[in-house]
Amino acid sequence: MNPGDTALVFGAGPIGIGLWFALRGTGVEDVRVVEPSATRRGAIERLGAHTLDPTAQDVPAIVAEATDGRGADACYDAAGVAPAVATALDSLGAGRPMVSVAIYETPLVTPLLDLVLGESRIQGSLCYTHEDYRAVIELMAGGHYDTTGWMEKIAMRDVVEEGFEALHAGRKMKVLVDPSLV
């Protein structure tokens, strides 16, 4: 990605938020986050993100209009669900990558014809290089990653109710268990 490019991040959980911060940290200003959950959209909007609700908006049409029909320069799937992948592929510019960073619980049908006609590609990414860690640590040291509103510390005694149960129910996004809290 380069400054001036357009990127879409699908999913506004902790990985999607991290992607948004990383893209912005490398100078990509036009990053839109596609998220159906109002709670998650609100959390990343409070950090300054431009969001799209795929249940109420035609994401590919919005991207086409914003890019004069070129489509996104890259799409990042941090959601791990079929509708996100389909919408990402429909929003992607010709010859551009969809990068999958999600862990998929069930196999997905991939519309290979869309890839062929758009001369696009799907790329997976799981591990990070020394340079990736260095870049993120530098951004963190510079105060680039704001955890306000999407990450909170909880006491060990609250790990079940305020940790596992709240995360599973979608009431929280990321928790850190802090043994010093009483």
N, C-alpha and C. Protein backbone atom coordinates (compact mmCIF):
# COMPACT_ATOMS: atom_id res chain seq x y z
N MET A 1 0.84 -1.18 0.00
CA MET A 1 0.00 0.00 0.00
C MET A 1 0.89 1.25 0.00
N ASN A 2 0.39 2.26 -0.66
CA ASN A 2 1.11 3.54 -0.73
C ASN A 2 0.17 4.69 -0.36
N PRO A 3 0.72 5.79 0.11
CA PRO A 3 -0.13 6.95 0.35
C PRO A 3 -0.92 7.27 -0.93
N GLY A 4 -2.19 7.58 -0.76
CA GLY A 4 -3.05 7.85 -1.92
C GLY A 4 -3.86 6.65 -2.35
N ASP A 5 -3.49 5.45 -1.89
CA ASP A 5 -4.25 4.24 -2.21
C ASP A 5 -5.52 4.17 -1.37
N THR A 6 -6.43 3.32 -1.81
CA THR A 6 -7.67 3.07 -1.09
C THR A 6 -7.66 1.64 -0.57
N ALA A 7 -7.93 1.48 0.72
CA ALA A 7 -7.95 0.14 1.32
C ALA A 7 -9.27 -0.07 2.04
N LEU A 8 -9.72 -1.31 2.04
CA LEU A 8 -10.89 -1.72 2.80
C LEU A 8 -10.45 -2.77 3.81
N VAL A 9 -10.90 -2.60 5.04
CA VAL A 9 -10.67 -3.60 6.08
C VAL A 9 -12.03 -4.16 6.45
N PHE A 10 -12.18 -5.46 6.32
CA PHE A 10 -13.43 -6.13 6.67
C PHE A 10 -13.30 -6.72 8.06
N GLY A 11 -14.09 -6.18 8.99
CA GLY A 11 -14.06 -6.63 10.38
C GLY A 11 -13.40 -5.60 11.26
N ALA A 12 -14.11 -5.17 12.31
CA ALA A 12 -13.58 -4.16 13.23
C ALA A 12 -13.36 -4.74 14.61
N GLY A 13 -12.90 -6.00 14.65
CA GLY A 13 -12.46 -6.57 15.91
C GLY A 13 -11.02 -6.14 16.15
N PRO A 14 -10.35 -6.72 17.12
CA PRO A 14 -8.97 -6.33 17.43
C PRO A 14 -8.02 -6.43 16.23
N ILE A 15 -8.16 -7.45 15.39
CA ILE A 15 -7.26 -7.58 14.23
C ILE A 15 -7.57 -6.50 13.20
N GLY A 16 -8.86 -6.27 12.93
CA GLY A 16 -9.25 -5.22 12.00
C GLY A 16 -8.81 -3.84 12.47
N ILE A 17 -8.96 -3.57 13.76
CA ILE A 17 -8.51 -2.29 14.31
C ILE A 17 -7.00 -2.16 14.15
N GLY A 18 -6.27 -3.24 14.43
CA GLY A 18 -4.82 -3.21 14.25
C GLY A 18 -4.43 -2.95 12.81
N LEU A 19 -5.16 -3.55 11.88
CA LEU A 19 -4.90 -3.31 10.45
C LEU A 19 -5.14 -1.84 10.10
N TRP A 20 -6.26 -1.30 10.60
CA TRP A 20 -6.58 0.10 10.33
C TRP A 20 -5.45 1.00 10.84
N PHE A 21 -4.99 0.77 12.08
CA PHE A 21 -3.89 1.57 12.63
C PHE A 21 -2.63 1.40 11.78
N ALA A 22 -2.32 0.18 11.39
CA ALA A 22 -1.09 -0.08 10.63
C ALA A 22 -1.13 0.62 9.27
N LEU A 23 -2.26 0.52 8.58
CA LEU A 23 -2.37 1.17 7.27
C LEU A 23 -2.24 2.69 7.41
N ARG A 24 -2.93 3.24 8.39
CA ARG A 24 -2.84 4.69 8.62
C ARG A 24 -1.40 5.08 9.01
N GLY A 25 -0.75 4.22 9.77
CA GLY A 25 0.62 4.50 10.19
C GLY A 25 1.61 4.50 9.05
N THR A 26 1.28 3.82 7.97
CA THR A 26 2.17 3.81 6.80
C THR A 26 1.79 4.86 5.78
N GLY A 27 0.84 5.74 6.15
CA GLY A 27 0.51 6.86 5.28
C GLY A 27 -0.70 6.66 4.39
N VAL A 28 -1.38 5.53 4.51
CA VAL A 28 -2.60 5.31 3.71
C VAL A 28 -3.74 6.00 4.44
N GLU A 29 -4.27 7.06 3.84
CA GLU A 29 -5.32 7.85 4.48
C GLU A 29 -6.72 7.32 4.20
N ASP A 30 -6.94 6.79 3.01
CA ASP A 30 -8.28 6.33 2.61
C ASP A 30 -8.46 4.86 2.98
N VAL A 31 -8.75 4.62 4.25
CA VAL A 31 -9.00 3.27 4.75
C VAL A 31 -10.41 3.25 5.29
N ARG A 32 -11.25 2.42 4.70
CA ARG A 32 -12.63 2.28 5.15
C ARG A 32 -12.78 0.92 5.81
N VAL A 33 -13.49 0.89 6.92
CA VAL A 33 -13.69 -0.34 7.67
C VAL A 33 -15.12 -0.79 7.49
N VAL A 34 -15.28 -2.02 7.01
CA VAL A 34 -16.60 -2.59 6.74
C VAL A 34 -16.96 -3.50 7.91
N GLU A 35 -18.04 -3.15 8.61
CA GLU A 35 -18.41 -3.89 9.82
C GLU A 35 -19.93 -3.84 10.03
N PRO A 36 -20.58 -5.01 10.15
CA PRO A 36 -22.02 -5.03 10.38
C PRO A 36 -22.43 -4.73 11.83
N SER A 37 -21.57 -4.95 12.80
CA SER A 37 -21.92 -4.74 14.21
C SER A 37 -21.84 -3.25 14.58
N ALA A 38 -22.95 -2.71 15.06
CA ALA A 38 -22.97 -1.30 15.48
C ALA A 38 -21.98 -1.05 16.61
N THR A 39 -21.83 -2.00 17.52
CA THR A 39 -20.89 -1.85 18.63
C THR A 39 -19.47 -1.70 18.13
N ARG A 40 -19.08 -2.58 17.23
CA ARG A 40 -17.71 -2.52 16.70
C ARG A 40 -17.50 -1.32 15.79
N ARG A 41 -18.51 -0.98 14.99
CA ARG A 41 -18.40 0.23 14.17
C ARG A 41 -18.19 1.45 15.06
N GLY A 42 -18.98 1.54 16.12
CA GLY A 42 -18.85 2.68 17.03
C GLY A 42 -17.48 2.77 17.66
N ALA A 43 -16.92 1.64 18.05
CA ALA A 43 -15.60 1.63 18.69
C ALA A 43 -14.53 2.17 17.75
N ILE A 44 -14.54 1.73 16.51
CA ILE A 44 -13.49 2.18 15.59
C ILE A 44 -13.77 3.58 15.06
N GLU A 45 -15.05 3.96 14.98
CA GLU A 45 -15.37 5.34 14.59
C GLU A 45 -14.85 6.33 15.63
N ARG A 46 -14.93 5.97 16.91
CA ARG A 46 -14.42 6.85 17.96
C ARG A 46 -12.91 7.05 17.85
N LEU A 47 -12.24 6.13 17.18
CA LEU A 47 -10.80 6.28 16.95
C LEU A 47 -10.51 7.10 15.70
N GLY A 48 -11.56 7.40 14.92
CA GLY A 48 -11.40 8.23 13.73
C GLY A 48 -11.61 7.52 12.41
N ALA A 49 -12.03 6.27 12.44
CA ALA A 49 -12.19 5.50 11.20
C ALA A 49 -13.47 5.87 10.46
N HIS A 50 -13.40 5.76 9.16
CA HIS A 50 -14.57 5.87 8.28
C HIS A 50 -15.11 4.45 8.12
N THR A 51 -16.37 4.24 8.48
CA THR A 51 -16.92 2.88 8.43
C THR A 51 -18.06 2.77 7.42
N LEU A 52 -18.30 1.53 7.03
CA LEU A 52 -19.41 1.19 6.16
C LEU A 52 -20.16 0.02 6.79
N ASP A 53 -21.49 0.08 6.76
CA ASP A 53 -22.33 -1.00 7.27
C ASP A 53 -22.82 -1.83 6.09
N PRO A 54 -22.29 -3.04 5.91
CA PRO A 54 -22.66 -3.83 4.74
C PRO A 54 -24.11 -4.32 4.75
N THR A 55 -24.78 -4.21 5.90
CA THR A 55 -26.19 -4.61 5.95
C THR A 55 -27.11 -3.48 5.49
N ALA A 56 -26.58 -2.26 5.41
CA ALA A 56 -27.41 -1.12 5.03
C ALA A 56 -26.86 -0.33 3.84
N GLN A 57 -25.65 -0.65 3.42
CA GLN A 57 -25.01 0.11 2.34
C GLN A 57 -24.47 -0.84 1.28
N ASP A 58 -24.44 -0.38 0.03
CA ASP A 58 -23.88 -1.14 -1.07
C ASP A 58 -22.38 -0.82 -1.14
N VAL A 59 -21.60 -1.61 -0.43
CA VAL A 59 -20.16 -1.34 -0.29
C VAL A 59 -19.46 -1.26 -1.64
N PRO A 60 -19.62 -2.24 -2.56
CA PRO A 60 -18.92 -2.12 -3.84
C PRO A 60 -19.30 -0.86 -4.61
N ALA A 61 -20.56 -0.44 -4.57
CA ALA A 61 -20.98 0.77 -5.28
C ALA A 61 -20.34 2.01 -4.66
N ILE A 62 -20.27 2.07 -3.33
CA ILE A 62 -19.65 3.21 -2.64
C ILE A 62 -18.18 3.29 -2.99
N VAL A 63 -17.50 2.14 -3.01
CA VAL A 63 -16.07 2.11 -3.33
C VAL A 63 -15.86 2.50 -4.79
N ALA A 64 -16.70 1.99 -5.69
CA ALA A 64 -16.57 2.34 -7.10
C ALA A 64 -16.73 3.85 -7.31
N GLU A 65 -17.71 4.44 -6.63
CA GLU A 65 -17.93 5.89 -6.76
C GLU A 65 -16.74 6.67 -6.20
N ALA A 66 -16.22 6.24 -5.06
CA ALA A 66 -15.12 6.95 -4.41
C ALA A 66 -13.81 6.84 -5.19
N THR A 67 -13.68 5.80 -6.00
CA THR A 67 -12.42 5.56 -6.73
C THR A 67 -12.56 5.77 -8.24
N ASP A 68 -13.63 6.46 -8.64
CA ASP A 68 -13.89 6.68 -10.07
C ASP A 68 -13.94 5.37 -10.85
N GLY A 69 -14.50 4.34 -10.22
CA GLY A 69 -14.68 3.05 -10.88
C GLY A 69 -13.50 2.11 -10.82
N ARG A 70 -12.37 2.53 -10.23
CA ARG A 70 -11.17 1.68 -10.20
C ARG A 70 -11.28 0.55 -9.18
N GLY A 71 -12.01 0.77 -8.11
CA GLY A 71 -12.08 -0.21 -7.03
C GLY A 71 -10.95 0.00 -6.04
N ALA A 72 -11.02 -0.73 -4.95
CA ALA A 72 -10.02 -0.61 -3.89
C ALA A 72 -8.67 -1.15 -4.36
N ASP A 73 -7.61 -0.54 -3.85
CA ASP A 73 -6.26 -0.99 -4.16
C ASP A 73 -5.91 -2.27 -3.41
N ALA A 74 -6.56 -2.48 -2.27
CA ALA A 74 -6.39 -3.72 -1.50
C ALA A 74 -7.55 -3.86 -0.53
N CYS A 75 -7.93 -5.10 -0.29
CA CYS A 75 -8.95 -5.42 0.71
C CYS A 75 -8.31 -6.39 1.69
N TYR A 76 -8.63 -6.21 2.97
CA TYR A 76 -8.09 -7.06 4.03
C TYR A 76 -9.26 -7.71 4.76
N ASP A 77 -9.29 -9.04 4.76
CA ASP A 77 -10.38 -9.74 5.45
C ASP A 77 -9.94 -10.15 6.84
N ALA A 78 -10.48 -9.45 7.84
CA ALA A 78 -10.24 -9.80 9.24
C ALA A 78 -11.53 -10.32 9.86
N ALA A 79 -12.54 -10.59 9.04
CA ALA A 79 -13.84 -11.06 9.54
C ALA A 79 -13.95 -12.58 9.50
N GLY A 80 -13.48 -13.18 8.43
CA GLY A 80 -13.50 -14.64 8.33
C GLY A 80 -14.84 -15.24 8.00
N VAL A 81 -15.69 -14.48 7.31
CA VAL A 81 -17.01 -15.00 6.93
C VAL A 81 -17.23 -14.78 5.44
N ALA A 82 -18.03 -15.65 4.85
CA ALA A 82 -18.25 -15.63 3.40
C ALA A 82 -18.74 -14.29 2.87
N PRO A 83 -19.71 -13.63 3.52
CA PRO A 83 -20.17 -12.34 2.97
C PRO A 83 -19.05 -11.30 2.88
N ALA A 84 -18.14 -11.29 3.84
CA ALA A 84 -17.03 -10.34 3.80
C ALA A 84 -16.12 -10.62 2.61
N VAL A 85 -15.81 -11.89 2.37
CA VAL A 85 -14.95 -12.25 1.25
C VAL A 85 -15.62 -11.88 -0.08
N ALA A 86 -16.90 -12.19 -0.22
CA ALA A 86 -17.62 -11.87 -1.46
C ALA A 86 -17.65 -10.37 -1.70
N THR A 87 -17.93 -9.60 -0.67
CA THR A 87 -18.00 -8.14 -0.81
C THR A 87 -16.60 -7.57 -1.09
N ALA A 88 -15.60 -8.12 -0.47
CA ALA A 88 -14.23 -7.66 -0.73
C ALA A 88 -13.86 -7.89 -2.19
N LEU A 89 -14.15 -9.07 -2.70
CA LEU A 89 -13.82 -9.37 -4.10
C LEU A 89 -14.60 -8.47 -5.05
N ASP A 90 -15.85 -8.14 -4.70
CA ASP A 90 -16.66 -7.25 -5.53
C ASP A 90 -16.17 -5.81 -5.48
N SER A 91 -15.44 -5.45 -4.44
CA SER A 91 -14.97 -4.08 -4.24
C SER A 91 -13.54 -3.86 -4.74
N LEU A 92 -12.86 -4.92 -5.04
CA LEU A 92 -11.44 -4.90 -5.37
C LEU A 92 -11.18 -4.41 -6.78
N GLY A 93 -10.15 -3.59 -6.94
CA GLY A 93 -9.74 -3.14 -8.26
C GLY A 93 -9.05 -4.24 -9.04
N ALA A 94 -9.02 -4.09 -10.35
CA ALA A 94 -8.39 -5.09 -11.22
C ALA A 94 -6.91 -5.26 -10.87
N GLY A 95 -6.48 -6.50 -10.80
CA GLY A 95 -5.09 -6.82 -10.53
C GLY A 95 -4.65 -6.57 -9.10
N ARG A 96 -5.58 -6.36 -8.21
CA ARG A 96 -5.26 -6.02 -6.83
C ARG A 96 -5.46 -7.20 -5.89
N PRO A 97 -4.87 -7.17 -4.70
CA PRO A 97 -4.96 -8.30 -3.77
C PRO A 97 -6.07 -8.16 -2.72
N MET A 98 -6.65 -9.29 -2.37
CA MET A 98 -7.44 -9.41 -1.16
C MET A 98 -6.56 -10.21 -0.21
N VAL A 99 -6.21 -9.62 0.91
CA VAL A 99 -5.33 -10.27 1.87
C VAL A 99 -6.17 -10.81 3.01
N SER A 100 -6.08 -12.12 3.22
CA SER A 100 -6.85 -12.76 4.26
C SER A 100 -5.99 -12.94 5.50
N VAL A 101 -6.43 -12.33 6.59
CA VAL A 101 -5.73 -12.48 7.87
C VAL A 101 -6.64 -13.16 8.89
N ALA A 102 -7.82 -13.56 8.46
CA ALA A 102 -8.81 -14.18 9.35
C ALA A 102 -8.56 -15.68 9.47
N ILE A 103 -9.08 -16.23 10.54
CA ILE A 103 -9.10 -17.67 10.71
C ILE A 103 -10.53 -18.12 10.42
N TYR A 104 -10.70 -18.97 9.45
CA TYR A 104 -12.02 -19.38 9.00
C TYR A 104 -12.46 -20.64 9.74
N GLU A 105 -13.66 -20.56 10.34
CA GLU A 105 -14.19 -21.71 11.07
C GLU A 105 -14.79 -22.75 10.14
N THR A 106 -15.27 -22.32 8.99
CA THR A 106 -15.85 -23.25 8.01
C THR A 106 -15.26 -22.94 6.64
N PRO A 107 -15.19 -23.93 5.78
CA PRO A 107 -14.68 -23.68 4.42
C PRO A 107 -15.57 -22.69 3.68
N LEU A 108 -14.97 -21.89 2.81
CA LEU A 108 -15.71 -20.91 2.03
C LEU A 108 -15.65 -21.28 0.56
N VAL A 109 -16.74 -20.99 -0.14
CA VAL A 109 -16.75 -21.13 -1.59
C VAL A 109 -16.12 -19.86 -2.15
N THR A 110 -15.13 -20.01 -2.98
CA THR A 110 -14.44 -18.85 -3.55
C THR A 110 -14.83 -18.70 -5.01
N PRO A 111 -15.38 -17.54 -5.36
CA PRO A 111 -15.79 -17.32 -6.75
C PRO A 111 -14.56 -17.06 -7.63
N LEU A 112 -13.95 -18.13 -8.08
CA LEU A 112 -12.70 -17.99 -8.84
C LEU A 112 -12.89 -17.22 -10.14
N LEU A 113 -14.07 -17.27 -10.72
CA LEU A 113 -14.32 -16.52 -11.95
C LEU A 113 -14.11 -15.02 -11.71
N ASP A 114 -14.53 -14.52 -10.53
CA ASP A 114 -14.31 -13.11 -10.20
C ASP A 114 -12.83 -12.78 -10.16
N LEU A 115 -12.02 -13.70 -9.65
CA LEU A 115 -10.57 -13.48 -9.62
C LEU A 115 -9.99 -13.46 -11.03
N VAL A 116 -10.45 -14.39 -11.86
CA VAL A 116 -9.94 -14.48 -13.23
C VAL A 116 -10.31 -13.23 -14.01
N LEU A 117 -11.58 -12.84 -13.96
CA LEU A 117 -12.03 -11.69 -14.74
C LEU A 117 -11.38 -10.39 -14.26
N GLY A 118 -11.13 -10.27 -12.99
CA GLY A 118 -10.50 -9.06 -12.45
C GLY A 118 -8.99 -9.14 -12.38
N GLU A 119 -8.44 -10.31 -12.79
CA GLU A 119 -7.00 -10.55 -12.67
C GLU A 119 -6.50 -10.16 -11.27
N SER A 120 -7.31 -10.52 -10.28
CA SER A 120 -6.99 -10.23 -8.89
C SER A 120 -6.42 -11.48 -8.23
N ARG A 121 -6.10 -11.35 -6.94
CA ARG A 121 -5.55 -12.50 -6.23
C ARG A 121 -5.97 -12.46 -4.76
N ILE A 122 -5.98 -13.63 -4.16
CA ILE A 122 -6.19 -13.75 -2.72
C ILE A 122 -4.87 -14.18 -2.13
N GLN A 123 -4.47 -13.49 -1.10
CA GLN A 123 -3.20 -13.79 -0.43
C GLN A 123 -3.46 -13.97 1.04
N GLY A 124 -2.86 -14.98 1.64
CA GLY A 124 -2.99 -15.19 3.07
C GLY A 124 -1.82 -14.60 3.82
N SER A 125 -2.05 -14.26 5.07
CA SER A 125 -0.99 -13.73 5.90
C SER A 125 -1.23 -14.17 7.34
N LEU A 126 -0.28 -14.87 7.93
CA LEU A 126 -0.44 -15.36 9.29
C LEU A 126 0.72 -14.96 10.18
N CYS A 127 1.92 -15.09 9.67
CA CYS A 127 3.11 -14.82 10.49
C CYS A 127 3.68 -13.46 10.14
N TYR A 128 4.51 -12.95 11.02
CA TYR A 128 5.06 -11.62 10.85
C TYR A 128 6.58 -11.69 10.84
N THR A 129 7.18 -10.76 10.13
CA THR A 129 8.63 -10.72 10.05
C THR A 129 9.20 -9.80 11.12
N HIS A 130 10.48 -9.85 11.28
CA HIS A 130 11.19 -8.96 12.20
C HIS A 130 10.88 -7.50 11.86
N GLU A 131 10.84 -7.17 10.59
CA GLU A 131 10.57 -5.80 10.16
C GLU A 131 9.14 -5.38 10.51
N ASP A 132 8.18 -6.32 10.40
CA ASP A 132 6.80 -6.01 10.78
C ASP A 132 6.73 -5.63 12.25
N TYR A 133 7.35 -6.44 13.11
CA TYR A 133 7.35 -6.15 14.54
C TYR A 133 8.03 -4.80 14.83
N ARG A 134 9.15 -4.55 14.18
CA ARG A 134 9.86 -3.30 14.38
C ARG A 134 8.98 -2.11 14.01
N ALA A 135 8.29 -2.19 12.89
CA ALA A 135 7.44 -1.09 12.43
C ALA A 135 6.29 -0.84 13.41
N VAL A 136 5.65 -1.91 13.89
CA VAL A 136 4.54 -1.75 14.83
C VAL A 136 5.03 -1.20 16.16
N ILE A 137 6.17 -1.68 16.64
CA ILE A 137 6.72 -1.18 17.90
C ILE A 137 7.05 0.31 17.78
N GLU A 138 7.58 0.72 16.63
CA GLU A 138 7.86 2.15 16.43
C GLU A 138 6.58 2.96 16.43
N LEU A 139 5.54 2.46 15.78
CA LEU A 139 4.25 3.17 15.78
C LEU A 139 3.67 3.23 17.19
N MET A 140 3.78 2.14 17.94
CA MET A 140 3.28 2.13 19.32
C MET A 140 4.05 3.11 20.18
N ALA A 141 5.37 3.13 20.04
CA ALA A 141 6.20 4.03 20.83
C ALA A 141 5.87 5.49 20.52
N GLY A 142 5.44 5.74 19.29
CA GLY A 142 5.06 7.10 18.89
C GLY A 142 3.64 7.46 19.27
N GLY A 143 2.95 6.55 19.99
CA GLY A 143 1.58 6.82 20.42
C GLY A 143 0.53 6.63 19.35
N HIS A 144 0.85 5.90 18.30
CA HIS A 144 -0.07 5.73 17.16
C HIS A 144 -1.24 4.81 17.46
N TYR A 145 -1.08 3.82 18.33
CA TYR A 145 -2.14 2.86 18.62
C TYR A 145 -2.91 3.28 19.87
N ASP A 146 -4.14 3.70 19.67
CA ASP A 146 -5.00 4.12 20.77
C ASP A 146 -5.93 2.96 21.12
N THR A 147 -5.89 2.50 22.35
CA THR A 147 -6.74 1.36 22.75
C THR A 147 -8.02 1.81 23.45
N THR A 148 -8.26 3.11 23.48
CA THR A 148 -9.45 3.65 24.15
C THR A 148 -10.73 3.14 23.49
N GLY A 149 -11.60 2.56 24.30
CA GLY A 149 -12.91 2.17 23.82
C GLY A 149 -13.02 0.78 23.22
N TRP A 150 -11.92 0.10 23.02
CA TRP A 150 -12.02 -1.24 22.47
C TRP A 150 -11.18 -2.26 23.24
N MET A 151 -10.35 -1.81 24.13
CA MET A 151 -9.57 -2.72 24.96
C MET A 151 -9.67 -2.25 26.40
N GLU A 152 -9.93 -3.17 27.30
CA GLU A 152 -9.99 -2.77 28.70
C GLU A 152 -9.34 -3.82 29.58
N LYS A 153 -8.88 -3.37 30.73
CA LYS A 153 -8.26 -4.26 31.70
C LYS A 153 -9.33 -4.74 32.67
N ILE A 154 -9.23 -6.01 33.04
CA ILE A 154 -10.15 -6.57 34.03
C ILE A 154 -9.36 -7.31 35.09
N ALA A 155 -9.97 -7.46 36.24
CA ALA A 155 -9.34 -8.19 37.33
C ALA A 155 -9.46 -9.70 37.09
N MET A 156 -8.57 -10.46 37.67
CA MET A 156 -8.57 -11.91 37.53
C MET A 156 -9.91 -12.50 37.98
N ARG A 157 -10.50 -11.96 39.04
CA ARG A 157 -11.75 -12.51 39.55
C ARG A 157 -12.91 -12.32 38.55
N ASP A 158 -12.77 -11.40 37.59
CA ASP A 158 -13.82 -11.11 36.62
C ASP A 158 -13.60 -11.77 35.27
N VAL A 159 -12.62 -12.66 35.18
CA VAL A 159 -12.23 -13.19 33.88
C VAL A 159 -13.36 -13.99 33.20
N VAL A 160 -14.19 -14.67 33.96
CA VAL A 160 -15.27 -15.44 33.34
C VAL A 160 -16.37 -14.51 32.85
N GLU A 161 -16.97 -13.73 33.77
CA GLU A 161 -18.11 -12.89 33.41
C GLU A 161 -17.73 -11.71 32.52
N GLU A 162 -16.69 -10.98 32.90
CA GLU A 162 -16.30 -9.79 32.15
C GLU A 162 -15.28 -10.09 31.05
N GLY A 163 -14.81 -11.32 31.02
CA GLY A 163 -13.86 -11.74 29.99
C GLY A 163 -14.53 -12.64 28.98
N PHE A 164 -14.51 -13.93 29.26
CA PHE A 164 -15.03 -14.92 28.30
C PHE A 164 -16.47 -14.67 27.90
N GLU A 165 -17.35 -14.50 28.89
CA GLU A 165 -18.78 -14.35 28.59
C GLU A 165 -19.06 -13.04 27.83
N ALA A 166 -18.43 -11.95 28.25
CA ALA A 166 -18.65 -10.66 27.59
C ALA A 166 -18.10 -10.67 26.17
N LEU A 167 -16.95 -11.27 25.97
CA LEU A 167 -16.38 -11.37 24.63
C LEU A 167 -17.26 -12.21 23.73
N HIS A 168 -17.70 -13.36 24.24
CA HIS A 168 -18.55 -14.26 23.45
C HIS A 168 -19.88 -13.60 23.08
N ALA A 169 -20.42 -12.80 23.98
CA ALA A 169 -21.71 -12.13 23.74
C ALA A 169 -21.57 -10.87 22.88
N GLY A 170 -20.34 -10.46 22.59
CA GLY A 170 -20.13 -9.27 21.78
C GLY A 170 -20.21 -7.97 22.55
N ARG A 171 -20.21 -8.03 23.88
CA ARG A 171 -20.26 -6.81 24.69
C ARG A 171 -18.89 -6.15 24.82
N LYS A 172 -17.84 -6.90 24.60
CA LYS A 172 -16.48 -6.38 24.66
C LYS A 172 -15.72 -6.87 23.45
N MET A 173 -14.61 -6.19 23.16
CA MET A 173 -13.82 -6.55 22.00
C MET A 173 -12.49 -7.18 22.36
N LYS A 174 -11.85 -6.65 23.37
CA LYS A 174 -10.54 -7.15 23.77
C LYS A 174 -10.37 -6.86 25.25
N VAL A 175 -9.93 -7.85 26.00
CA VAL A 175 -9.67 -7.63 27.43
C VAL A 175 -8.27 -8.11 27.77
N LEU A 176 -7.67 -7.41 28.71
CA LEU A 176 -6.38 -7.80 29.25
C LEU A 176 -6.60 -8.09 30.73
N VAL A 177 -6.21 -9.25 31.17
CA VAL A 177 -6.36 -9.61 32.58
C VAL A 177 -5.17 -9.03 33.32
N ASP A 178 -5.47 -8.15 34.28
CA ASP A 178 -4.44 -7.47 35.05
C ASP A 178 -4.49 -7.99 36.49
N PRO A 179 -3.51 -8.83 36.87
CA PRO A 179 -3.54 -9.41 38.22
C PRO A 179 -3.37 -8.38 39.33
N SER A 180 -2.95 -7.17 39.02
CA SER A 180 -2.80 -6.16 40.06
C SER A 180 -4.13 -5.51 40.43
N LEU A 181 -5.15 -5.69 39.59
CA LEU A 181 -6.48 -5.14 39.88
C LEU A 181 -7.18 -6.02 40.90
N VAL A 182 -7.85 -5.40 41.84
CA VAL A 182 -8.58 -6.16 42.86
C VAL A 182 -10.06 -6.04 42.68
